[in-house]
N, C-alpha and C. Protein backbone atom coordinates (compact mmCIF):
# COMPACT_ATOMS: atom_id res chain seq x y z
N MET A 1 0.82 -1.18 0.00
CA MET A 1 0.00 0.00 0.00
C MET A 1 0.87 1.26 0.00
N GLN A 2 2.07 1.17 0.54
CA GLN A 2 2.95 2.34 0.58
C GLN A 2 3.35 2.80 -0.82
N VAL A 3 3.62 1.85 -1.70
CA VAL A 3 3.99 2.21 -3.07
C VAL A 3 2.81 2.89 -3.75
N GLY A 4 1.60 2.37 -3.52
CA GLY A 4 0.40 2.99 -4.08
C GLY A 4 0.22 4.41 -3.58
N ALA A 5 0.46 4.63 -2.31
CA ALA A 5 0.32 5.97 -1.73
C ALA A 5 1.31 6.94 -2.35
N ILE A 6 2.53 6.49 -2.57
CA ILE A 6 3.54 7.35 -3.19
C ILE A 6 3.12 7.74 -4.60
N GLY A 7 2.62 6.76 -5.34
CA GLY A 7 2.15 7.05 -6.70
C GLY A 7 1.01 8.05 -6.70
N LEU A 8 0.05 7.87 -5.80
CA LEU A 8 -1.09 8.79 -5.72
C LEU A 8 -0.63 10.20 -5.35
N LYS A 9 0.33 10.29 -4.44
CA LYS A 9 0.85 11.61 -4.04
C LYS A 9 1.52 12.33 -5.21
N HIS A 10 1.99 11.55 -6.19
CA HIS A 10 2.64 12.13 -7.37
C HIS A 10 1.69 12.22 -8.56
N GLY A 11 0.40 12.16 -8.30
CA GLY A 11 -0.59 12.36 -9.34
C GLY A 11 -0.84 11.15 -10.25
N ARG A 12 -0.36 9.99 -9.85
CA ARG A 12 -0.56 8.78 -10.64
C ARG A 12 -1.94 8.19 -10.35
N VAL A 13 -2.38 7.34 -11.26
CA VAL A 13 -3.63 6.61 -11.08
C VAL A 13 -3.28 5.24 -10.51
N LEU A 14 -4.08 4.76 -9.57
CA LEU A 14 -3.85 3.47 -8.95
C LEU A 14 -5.07 2.58 -9.15
N LEU A 15 -4.87 1.39 -9.63
CA LEU A 15 -5.94 0.41 -9.79
C LEU A 15 -5.89 -0.53 -8.60
N VAL A 16 -7.02 -0.65 -7.90
CA VAL A 16 -7.11 -1.51 -6.72
C VAL A 16 -8.29 -2.46 -6.92
N PHE A 17 -8.07 -3.73 -6.62
CA PHE A 17 -9.16 -4.70 -6.59
C PHE A 17 -9.48 -4.95 -5.12
N PRO A 18 -10.50 -4.25 -4.60
CA PRO A 18 -10.73 -4.25 -3.15
C PRO A 18 -11.17 -5.58 -2.55
N GLU A 19 -11.56 -6.54 -3.38
CA GLU A 19 -11.90 -7.85 -2.82
C GLU A 19 -10.64 -8.61 -2.41
N GLY A 20 -9.54 -8.34 -3.07
CA GLY A 20 -8.28 -8.97 -2.72
C GLY A 20 -8.10 -10.37 -3.30
N THR A 21 -9.11 -10.88 -4.00
CA THR A 21 -9.02 -12.22 -4.59
C THR A 21 -10.07 -12.32 -5.69
N ARG A 22 -9.97 -13.36 -6.49
CA ARG A 22 -10.96 -13.59 -7.53
C ARG A 22 -12.15 -14.34 -6.93
N SER A 23 -13.32 -13.99 -7.40
CA SER A 23 -14.56 -14.59 -6.90
C SER A 23 -14.66 -16.07 -7.29
N ILE A 24 -15.21 -16.86 -6.41
CA ILE A 24 -15.40 -18.29 -6.68
C ILE A 24 -16.58 -18.51 -7.62
N ASP A 25 -17.63 -17.67 -7.49
CA ASP A 25 -18.84 -17.88 -8.28
C ASP A 25 -19.20 -16.71 -9.19
N GLY A 26 -18.36 -15.69 -9.27
CA GLY A 26 -18.62 -14.54 -10.14
C GLY A 26 -19.34 -13.40 -9.45
N ARG A 27 -19.78 -13.59 -8.22
CA ARG A 27 -20.45 -12.53 -7.48
C ARG A 27 -19.41 -11.66 -6.77
N VAL A 28 -19.77 -10.41 -6.56
CA VAL A 28 -18.91 -9.48 -5.82
C VAL A 28 -18.91 -9.92 -4.36
N THR A 29 -17.70 -10.06 -3.79
CA THR A 29 -17.59 -10.46 -2.39
C THR A 29 -17.18 -9.27 -1.53
N GLU A 30 -17.03 -9.50 -0.23
CA GLU A 30 -16.74 -8.43 0.73
C GLU A 30 -15.44 -7.70 0.38
N PHE A 31 -15.50 -6.38 0.41
CA PHE A 31 -14.33 -5.55 0.13
C PHE A 31 -13.49 -5.38 1.38
N LYS A 32 -12.20 -5.25 1.17
CA LYS A 32 -11.28 -4.85 2.24
C LYS A 32 -11.23 -3.32 2.24
N LYS A 33 -10.70 -2.73 3.30
CA LYS A 33 -10.74 -1.27 3.47
C LYS A 33 -9.58 -0.51 2.82
N GLY A 34 -8.65 -1.20 2.17
CA GLY A 34 -7.45 -0.54 1.64
C GLY A 34 -7.72 0.63 0.73
N ALA A 35 -8.63 0.48 -0.22
CA ALA A 35 -8.94 1.58 -1.15
C ALA A 35 -9.50 2.78 -0.40
N ALA A 36 -10.39 2.50 0.57
CA ALA A 36 -10.99 3.58 1.36
C ALA A 36 -9.93 4.30 2.19
N ILE A 37 -9.02 3.55 2.76
CA ILE A 37 -7.96 4.15 3.58
C ILE A 37 -7.10 5.07 2.72
N LEU A 38 -6.66 4.58 1.57
CA LEU A 38 -5.83 5.41 0.68
C LEU A 38 -6.58 6.66 0.24
N GLY A 39 -7.81 6.47 -0.22
CA GLY A 39 -8.58 7.62 -0.69
C GLY A 39 -8.83 8.64 0.39
N TYR A 40 -9.19 8.17 1.57
CA TYR A 40 -9.50 9.08 2.68
C TYR A 40 -8.25 9.81 3.17
N GLU A 41 -7.21 9.07 3.44
CA GLU A 41 -5.99 9.66 4.00
C GLU A 41 -5.29 10.61 3.02
N LEU A 42 -5.40 10.33 1.73
CA LEU A 42 -4.74 11.18 0.73
C LEU A 42 -5.69 12.19 0.10
N GLY A 43 -6.98 12.08 0.43
CA GLY A 43 -7.96 13.03 -0.10
C GLY A 43 -8.15 12.92 -1.60
N VAL A 44 -8.06 11.70 -2.13
CA VAL A 44 -8.25 11.51 -3.57
C VAL A 44 -9.56 10.77 -3.82
N PRO A 45 -10.23 11.10 -4.92
CA PRO A 45 -11.50 10.44 -5.23
C PRO A 45 -11.28 8.97 -5.62
N ILE A 46 -12.31 8.18 -5.40
CA ILE A 46 -12.28 6.77 -5.78
C ILE A 46 -13.34 6.59 -6.86
N VAL A 47 -12.94 6.07 -8.00
CA VAL A 47 -13.87 5.82 -9.10
C VAL A 47 -14.26 4.34 -9.08
N PRO A 48 -15.52 4.04 -8.78
CA PRO A 48 -15.96 2.65 -8.78
C PRO A 48 -16.04 2.12 -10.21
N VAL A 49 -15.62 0.87 -10.39
CA VAL A 49 -15.63 0.25 -11.70
C VAL A 49 -16.24 -1.15 -11.57
N GLY A 50 -17.17 -1.45 -12.45
CA GLY A 50 -17.76 -2.78 -12.49
C GLY A 50 -17.33 -3.48 -13.76
N ILE A 51 -16.91 -4.72 -13.62
CA ILE A 51 -16.49 -5.50 -14.78
C ILE A 51 -17.50 -6.62 -14.97
N ARG A 52 -18.11 -6.65 -16.13
CA ARG A 52 -19.10 -7.68 -16.46
C ARG A 52 -18.50 -8.66 -17.46
N GLY A 53 -18.63 -9.93 -17.17
CA GLY A 53 -18.18 -10.96 -18.10
C GLY A 53 -16.81 -11.53 -17.81
N SER A 54 -16.10 -10.99 -16.83
CA SER A 54 -14.75 -11.50 -16.55
C SER A 54 -14.80 -12.93 -16.00
N PHE A 55 -15.80 -13.23 -15.19
CA PHE A 55 -15.91 -14.58 -14.63
C PHE A 55 -16.18 -15.59 -15.74
N GLU A 56 -17.04 -15.23 -16.67
CA GLU A 56 -17.34 -16.12 -17.78
C GLU A 56 -16.13 -16.32 -18.69
N SER A 57 -15.28 -15.29 -18.76
CA SER A 57 -14.07 -15.38 -19.58
C SER A 57 -12.96 -16.18 -18.92
N TRP A 58 -12.87 -16.04 -17.60
CA TRP A 58 -11.78 -16.71 -16.90
C TRP A 58 -12.20 -17.04 -15.48
N PRO A 59 -13.01 -18.08 -15.31
CA PRO A 59 -13.46 -18.44 -13.96
C PRO A 59 -12.30 -18.92 -13.10
N ARG A 60 -12.44 -18.68 -11.82
CA ARG A 60 -11.41 -19.13 -10.88
C ARG A 60 -11.31 -20.66 -10.98
N GLY A 61 -10.13 -21.15 -11.17
CA GLY A 61 -9.91 -22.59 -11.30
C GLY A 61 -10.18 -23.12 -12.70
N GLY A 62 -10.56 -22.24 -13.62
CA GLY A 62 -10.86 -22.66 -14.98
C GLY A 62 -9.87 -22.09 -15.97
N SER A 63 -10.07 -22.41 -17.21
CA SER A 63 -9.17 -21.90 -18.25
C SER A 63 -9.82 -20.70 -18.94
N PHE A 64 -9.00 -19.94 -19.62
CA PHE A 64 -9.45 -18.72 -20.30
C PHE A 64 -10.29 -19.09 -21.52
N ARG A 65 -11.39 -18.35 -21.69
CA ARG A 65 -12.26 -18.49 -22.85
C ARG A 65 -12.56 -17.10 -23.39
N PHE A 66 -12.66 -16.98 -24.69
CA PHE A 66 -13.01 -15.69 -25.28
C PHE A 66 -14.50 -15.45 -25.10
N ARG A 67 -14.82 -14.42 -24.32
CA ARG A 67 -16.20 -14.02 -24.06
C ARG A 67 -16.21 -12.49 -23.99
N PRO A 68 -17.35 -11.87 -24.26
CA PRO A 68 -17.43 -10.40 -24.16
C PRO A 68 -17.22 -9.96 -22.71
N VAL A 69 -16.47 -8.88 -22.54
CA VAL A 69 -16.24 -8.27 -21.24
C VAL A 69 -16.58 -6.79 -21.36
N GLU A 70 -17.35 -6.29 -20.39
CA GLU A 70 -17.72 -4.88 -20.37
C GLU A 70 -17.16 -4.24 -19.11
N ILE A 71 -16.68 -3.01 -19.25
CA ILE A 71 -16.18 -2.25 -18.10
C ILE A 71 -17.06 -1.01 -17.94
N HIS A 72 -17.64 -0.86 -16.75
CA HIS A 72 -18.55 0.25 -16.46
C HIS A 72 -17.97 1.12 -15.35
N PHE A 73 -17.86 2.42 -15.64
CA PHE A 73 -17.31 3.38 -14.68
C PHE A 73 -18.43 4.15 -14.02
N GLY A 74 -18.33 4.31 -12.71
CA GLY A 74 -19.31 5.08 -11.95
C GLY A 74 -18.79 6.47 -11.64
N ASP A 75 -19.61 7.25 -10.99
CA ASP A 75 -19.21 8.59 -10.57
C ASP A 75 -18.20 8.49 -9.43
N PRO A 76 -17.23 9.40 -9.41
CA PRO A 76 -16.22 9.38 -8.32
C PRO A 76 -16.87 9.54 -6.95
N ILE A 77 -16.27 8.88 -5.99
CA ILE A 77 -16.68 8.99 -4.58
C ILE A 77 -15.65 9.88 -3.88
N ASN A 78 -16.11 10.89 -3.17
CA ASN A 78 -15.22 11.74 -2.39
C ASN A 78 -15.14 11.15 -0.98
N PRO A 79 -14.04 10.48 -0.65
CA PRO A 79 -13.93 9.84 0.66
C PRO A 79 -14.03 10.83 1.83
N LEU A 80 -13.62 12.07 1.61
CA LEU A 80 -13.66 13.05 2.69
C LEU A 80 -15.09 13.44 3.07
N ALA A 81 -16.04 13.12 2.22
CA ALA A 81 -17.45 13.39 2.52
C ALA A 81 -17.94 12.48 3.66
N PHE A 82 -17.15 11.48 4.03
CA PHE A 82 -17.53 10.55 5.09
C PHE A 82 -16.80 10.82 6.40
N SER A 83 -16.23 12.01 6.53
CA SER A 83 -15.41 12.33 7.70
C SER A 83 -16.20 12.34 9.01
N ARG A 84 -17.50 12.52 8.95
CA ARG A 84 -18.32 12.54 10.17
C ARG A 84 -18.84 11.14 10.56
N ALA A 85 -18.58 10.15 9.72
CA ALA A 85 -19.02 8.78 10.02
C ALA A 85 -18.22 8.23 11.20
N ALA A 86 -18.83 7.34 11.96
CA ALA A 86 -18.13 6.72 13.10
C ALA A 86 -16.86 6.01 12.63
N ASP A 87 -16.93 5.35 11.49
CA ASP A 87 -15.78 4.68 10.88
C ASP A 87 -15.77 5.07 9.40
N PRO A 88 -15.08 6.17 9.06
CA PRO A 88 -15.10 6.64 7.67
C PRO A 88 -14.63 5.58 6.68
N TYR A 89 -13.63 4.79 7.04
CA TYR A 89 -13.13 3.76 6.13
C TYR A 89 -14.22 2.74 5.80
N ALA A 90 -14.95 2.32 6.83
CA ALA A 90 -16.02 1.34 6.62
C ALA A 90 -17.15 1.96 5.79
N ALA A 91 -17.47 3.22 6.04
CA ALA A 91 -18.54 3.88 5.31
C ALA A 91 -18.20 4.01 3.83
N VAL A 92 -16.97 4.43 3.54
CA VAL A 92 -16.53 4.54 2.14
C VAL A 92 -16.53 3.15 1.48
N THR A 93 -16.02 2.17 2.19
CA THR A 93 -15.96 0.81 1.66
C THR A 93 -17.35 0.29 1.32
N GLU A 94 -18.32 0.56 2.19
CA GLU A 94 -19.69 0.09 1.95
C GLU A 94 -20.29 0.73 0.70
N VAL A 95 -20.12 2.04 0.56
CA VAL A 95 -20.65 2.74 -0.62
C VAL A 95 -19.95 2.24 -1.88
N LEU A 96 -18.63 2.10 -1.81
CA LEU A 96 -17.87 1.61 -2.96
C LEU A 96 -18.36 0.23 -3.38
N GLN A 97 -18.52 -0.67 -2.43
CA GLN A 97 -18.97 -2.02 -2.74
C GLN A 97 -20.37 -2.00 -3.36
N ASP A 98 -21.26 -1.21 -2.80
CA ASP A 98 -22.62 -1.12 -3.34
C ASP A 98 -22.60 -0.63 -4.79
N ARG A 99 -21.79 0.37 -5.07
CA ARG A 99 -21.73 0.91 -6.44
C ARG A 99 -21.09 -0.08 -7.41
N VAL A 100 -20.06 -0.77 -6.97
CA VAL A 100 -19.43 -1.77 -7.84
C VAL A 100 -20.40 -2.91 -8.14
N LYS A 101 -21.19 -3.30 -7.16
CA LYS A 101 -22.19 -4.35 -7.40
C LYS A 101 -23.17 -3.92 -8.48
N ILE A 102 -23.63 -2.69 -8.41
CA ILE A 102 -24.57 -2.19 -9.42
C ILE A 102 -23.89 -2.12 -10.78
N LEU A 103 -22.69 -1.57 -10.82
CA LEU A 103 -21.98 -1.43 -12.10
C LEU A 103 -21.61 -2.77 -12.72
N SER A 104 -21.40 -3.77 -11.90
CA SER A 104 -21.04 -5.09 -12.42
C SER A 104 -22.27 -5.97 -12.63
N ASP A 105 -23.45 -5.39 -12.43
CA ASP A 105 -24.72 -6.09 -12.60
C ASP A 105 -24.91 -7.16 -11.54
N ASP A 106 -24.27 -6.98 -10.38
CA ASP A 106 -24.43 -7.89 -9.27
C ASP A 106 -25.26 -7.22 -8.17
N GLY A 107 -25.74 -6.01 -8.43
CA GLY A 107 -26.47 -5.24 -7.44
C GLY A 107 -27.81 -5.83 -7.08
N LYS A 108 -28.33 -6.70 -7.92
CA LYS A 108 -29.62 -7.31 -7.64
C LYS A 108 -29.51 -8.49 -6.70
N MET A 109 -28.28 -8.93 -6.39
CA MET A 109 -28.07 -10.10 -5.55
C MET A 109 -27.79 -9.69 -4.11
N ASP A 110 -28.09 -10.58 -3.18
CA ASP A 110 -27.76 -10.33 -1.77
C ASP A 110 -26.28 -10.45 -1.57
N SER A 111 -25.72 -9.70 -0.58
CA SER A 111 -24.29 -9.83 -0.29
C SER A 111 -24.02 -10.98 0.62
């Protein structure tokens, strides 16, 4: 995470997969707080991204298959807007996860 923070401080873009692993069944799983911590502490926006079709293209434990993949970008989240929350990192993480679920077309499923 330190290398990511240095890059962000220098105006670089950082790609983070907040689940920390590939899904077993293609559904979005619980996010870790790393993206929220970086965004909040450095005051940088977090852009939620949903990827549709990646599981069908390359399921965990399976081989790669050519299938359509779509990438959907959401509106940026300002982590500092959660400064009054009891746990700002958790609040940002929850909103980020909810938006990624919608963007990845997993928003209709229970977590």
